[in-house]
Amino acid sequence: MDNANLDTLWNACLAGNRKAQFQLYQMLSARMFGVCLRYAQYESEAEEILQAGFIKVFTKGQLFDNKGSLEGWIRKIMVNTAIELHRNKSKHGFEPLTFDYPVADSRSGSDENLQYKDLLAMVTTLPLGYRTVFNLYVIEGYSHKEIAQMLSISEGSSKSQLSRARQWLKEKLMKIENIGYER
């Protein structure tokens, strides 16, 4: 969809047109669900973030100032919604248990490289605090200062969580590589 059509669709969404809102949701929900999955422990949690995020998009649409892309603005809403959910769970002591899911070994024959999807799957197995900081810093590009403000933690905690996430991922990668050489 070109920018003129997207602008027309967005203006209809702002006017409360349910069909336009549904079209925008259909157009962007798959990409936004991918963003939500990076912050969620479970698929159902990602769906919850996605739905809450789109509700915010449609109820707070007038806040979009047309500086930058609409999709980027919606993505930021999804990330902030995920952070809110994380904060609420932490505040109430509902940090979900983490499970060590095996990462699919997609190597076949001489292909020794982990696939991108395998790395993303590995990131989703990080404990929630590690994963949130890792996603915000590495994938979204926020600074430790910004992350600290978003999550109501210290900059040192943000740096520590990132360091632990990287160490955790490094150990998992080493384990997978060692398994690969034992074949």
Protein backbone atom coordinates (compact mmCIF):
# COMPACT_ATOMS: atom_id res chain seq x y z
CA MET A 1 0.00 0.00 0.00
CA ASP A 2 1.43 3.38 -0.96
CA ASN A 3 1.67 6.32 1.43
CA ALA A 4 -1.35 8.18 -0.02
CA ASN A 5 -3.59 5.14 0.47
CA LEU A 6 -2.17 4.54 3.94
CA ASP A 7 -2.85 8.17 4.85
CA THR A 8 -6.43 7.84 3.61
CA LEU A 9 -6.85 4.61 5.59
CA TRP A 10 -5.35 6.22 8.72
CA ASN A 11 -7.63 9.25 8.43
CA ALA A 12 -10.62 6.91 8.23
CA CYS A 13 -9.33 5.12 11.34
CA LEU A 14 -9.09 8.44 13.16
CA ALA A 15 -12.70 9.15 12.20
CA GLY A 16 -13.72 5.92 13.93
CA ASN A 17 -14.36 3.90 10.76
CA ARG A 18 -14.35 0.27 11.96
CA LYS A 19 -13.73 -1.15 8.47
CA ALA A 20 -10.64 1.03 8.09
CA GLN A 21 -9.43 -0.01 11.55
CA PHE A 22 -9.90 -3.65 10.61
CA GLN A 23 -7.99 -3.11 7.34
CA LEU A 24 -5.10 -1.45 9.16
CA TYR A 25 -5.09 -4.25 11.73
CA GLN A 26 -5.05 -6.87 8.95
CA MET A 27 -2.24 -5.05 7.18
CA LEU A 28 0.06 -4.66 10.19
CA SER A 29 -0.91 -7.30 12.75
CA ALA A 30 1.47 -10.02 11.53
CA ARG A 31 4.51 -7.73 11.74
CA MET A 32 3.43 -6.30 15.08
CA PHE A 33 2.78 -9.79 16.43
CA GLY A 34 6.43 -10.56 15.67
CA VAL A 35 7.44 -7.56 17.78
CA CYS A 36 5.13 -8.68 20.60
CA LEU A 37 6.53 -12.22 20.52
CA ARG A 38 9.99 -10.90 21.31
CA TYR A 39 8.72 -9.50 24.61
CA ALA A 40 6.25 -12.20 25.59
CA GLN A 41 6.82 -15.41 27.48
CA TYR A 42 4.03 -17.21 25.65
CA GLU A 43 2.14 -16.76 22.39
CA SER A 44 -1.03 -15.97 24.32
CA GLU A 45 0.80 -13.17 26.10
CA ALA A 46 1.97 -11.79 22.72
CA GLU A 47 -1.64 -11.85 21.54
CA GLU A 48 -2.66 -9.93 24.65
CA ILE A 49 0.03 -7.31 23.97
CA LEU A 50 -1.03 -7.06 20.33
CA GLN A 51 -4.69 -6.52 21.16
CA ALA A 52 -3.98 -4.00 23.91
CA GLY A 53 -1.54 -2.22 21.61
CA PHE A 54 -4.03 -1.88 18.77
CA ILE A 55 -6.67 -0.62 21.18
CA LYS A 56 -4.20 2.13 22.13
CA VAL A 57 -3.47 2.83 18.47
CA PHE A 58 -7.15 3.41 17.76
CA THR A 59 -7.99 5.29 20.95
CA LYS A 60 -4.85 7.47 20.98
CA GLY A 61 -4.46 7.89 17.23
CA GLN A 62 -4.69 11.67 17.46
CA LEU A 63 -1.29 11.59 19.21
CA PHE A 64 0.44 10.47 16.00
CA ASP A 65 2.06 13.68 14.72
CA ASN A 66 2.97 12.44 11.21
CA LYS A 67 6.67 12.84 12.01
CA GLY A 68 8.05 9.50 10.92
CA SER A 69 6.20 6.45 9.76
CA LEU A 70 2.84 5.32 11.06
CA GLU A 71 4.15 1.76 11.24
CA GLY A 72 7.09 2.90 13.37
CA TRP A 73 4.72 4.72 15.71
CA ILE A 74 2.53 1.62 16.03
CA ARG A 75 5.61 -0.52 16.66
CA LYS A 76 6.65 1.79 19.49
CA ILE A 77 3.17 1.43 21.00
CA MET A 78 3.53 -2.38 20.90
CA VAL A 79 6.92 -2.20 22.63
CA ASN A 80 5.58 0.19 25.29
CA THR A 81 2.53 -2.03 25.84
CA ALA A 82 4.83 -5.01 26.36
CA ILE A 83 6.88 -3.00 28.84
CA GLU A 84 3.72 -2.00 30.73
CA LEU A 85 2.71 -5.65 30.96
CA HIS A 86 6.20 -6.55 32.20
CA ARG A 87 6.06 -3.76 34.82
CA ASN A 88 2.62 -4.84 36.03
CA LYS A 89 3.72 -8.46 36.36
CA SER A 90 6.89 -7.46 38.20
CA LYS A 91 4.94 -5.12 40.49
CA HIS A 92 2.55 -7.89 41.44
CA GLY A 93 5.24 -10.56 41.66
CA PHE A 94 3.95 -12.56 38.70
CA GLU A 95 7.20 -13.15 36.88
CA PRO A 96 6.46 -16.23 34.79
CA LEU A 97 8.61 -19.31 35.07
CA THR A 98 11.04 -19.76 32.23
CA PHE A 99 11.52 -23.05 30.48
CA ASP A 100 14.59 -24.14 28.61
CA TYR A 101 13.04 -24.98 25.24
CA PRO A 102 15.32 -26.80 22.86
CA VAL A 103 16.22 -24.74 19.83
CA ALA A 104 15.60 -26.47 16.54
CA ASP A 105 18.86 -27.46 14.92
CA SER A 106 18.18 -26.51 11.33
CA ARG A 107 21.62 -27.43 10.08
CA SER A 108 21.65 -29.93 7.31
CA GLY A 109 24.75 -31.41 5.80
CA SER A 110 27.59 -28.91 5.73
CA ASP A 111 25.47 -25.90 6.74
CA GLU A 112 26.98 -25.05 10.13
CA ASN A 113 25.19 -21.70 10.68
CA LEU A 114 22.26 -21.27 12.98
CA GLN A 115 19.26 -19.91 11.17
CA TYR A 116 17.93 -16.46 12.09
CA LYS A 117 14.67 -18.01 13.32
CA ASP A 118 16.64 -20.30 15.60
CA LEU A 119 18.42 -17.32 17.16
CA LEU A 120 15.11 -15.54 17.67
CA ALA A 121 13.70 -18.70 19.23
CA MET A 122 16.69 -18.76 21.57
CA VAL A 123 16.09 -15.13 22.56
CA THR A 124 12.49 -15.99 23.45
CA THR A 125 13.75 -18.51 25.99
CA LEU A 126 15.69 -15.86 27.91
CA PRO A 127 14.25 -15.06 31.34
CA LEU A 128 11.80 -12.18 30.98
CA GLY A 129 14.02 -9.45 32.47
CA TYR A 130 17.01 -10.43 30.36
CA ARG A 131 14.88 -10.72 27.22
CA THR A 132 13.22 -7.34 27.71
CA VAL A 133 16.50 -5.47 28.14
CA PHE A 134 18.14 -7.47 25.32
CA ASN A 135 15.30 -6.63 22.91
CA LEU A 136 15.21 -2.97 23.87
CA TYR A 137 18.98 -2.51 23.61
CA VAL A 138 20.02 -4.83 20.78
CA ILE A 139 16.94 -4.90 18.58
CA GLU A 140 15.12 -1.63 19.27
CA GLY A 141 18.29 0.44 19.78
CA TYR A 142 17.45 2.15 23.08
CA SER A 143 20.25 3.33 25.38
CA HIS A 144 20.67 1.97 28.90
CA LYS A 145 19.48 5.31 30.25
CA GLU A 146 16.26 5.08 28.21
CA ILE A 147 15.72 1.44 29.19
CA ALA A 148 16.24 2.30 32.85
CA GLN A 149 13.57 4.99 32.62
CA MET A 150 11.12 2.74 30.74
CA LEU A 151 11.47 -0.18 33.13
CA SER A 152 11.94 1.86 36.32
CA ILE A 153 15.32 0.28 37.02
CA SER A 154 18.83 1.70 37.34
CA GLU A 155 21.18 2.01 34.37
CA GLY A 156 23.44 -0.46 36.14
CA SER A 157 20.63 -2.99 36.30
CA SER A 158 19.99 -2.52 32.60
CA LYS A 159 23.66 -3.11 31.81
CA SER A 160 23.76 -6.10 34.13
CA GLN A 161 20.64 -7.65 32.59
CA LEU A 162 22.11 -7.20 29.09
CA SER A 163 25.41 -8.72 30.13
CA ARG A 164 23.66 -11.70 31.70
CA ALA A 165 21.45 -12.13 28.63
CA ARG A 166 24.49 -12.17 26.36
CA GLN A 167 26.27 -14.65 28.61
CA TRP A 168 23.16 -16.86 28.76
CA LEU A 169 22.86 -16.81 24.94
CA LYS A 170 26.59 -17.49 24.54
CA GLU A 171 26.33 -20.55 26.78
CA LYS A 172 23.32 -21.84 24.81
CA LEU A 173 25.14 -21.32 21.52
CA MET A 174 28.21 -23.13 22.85
CA LYS A 175 26.02 -26.02 23.96
CA ILE A 176 24.39 -26.25 20.53
CA GLU A 177 27.76 -26.05 18.78
CA ASN A 178 29.14 -28.83 20.99
CA ILE A 179 26.13 -31.01 20.22
CA GLY A 180 26.68 -30.33 16.52
CA TYR A 181 30.29 -31.56 16.68
CA GLU A 182 29.31 -34.78 18.48
CA ARG A 183 27.34 -36.04 15.47
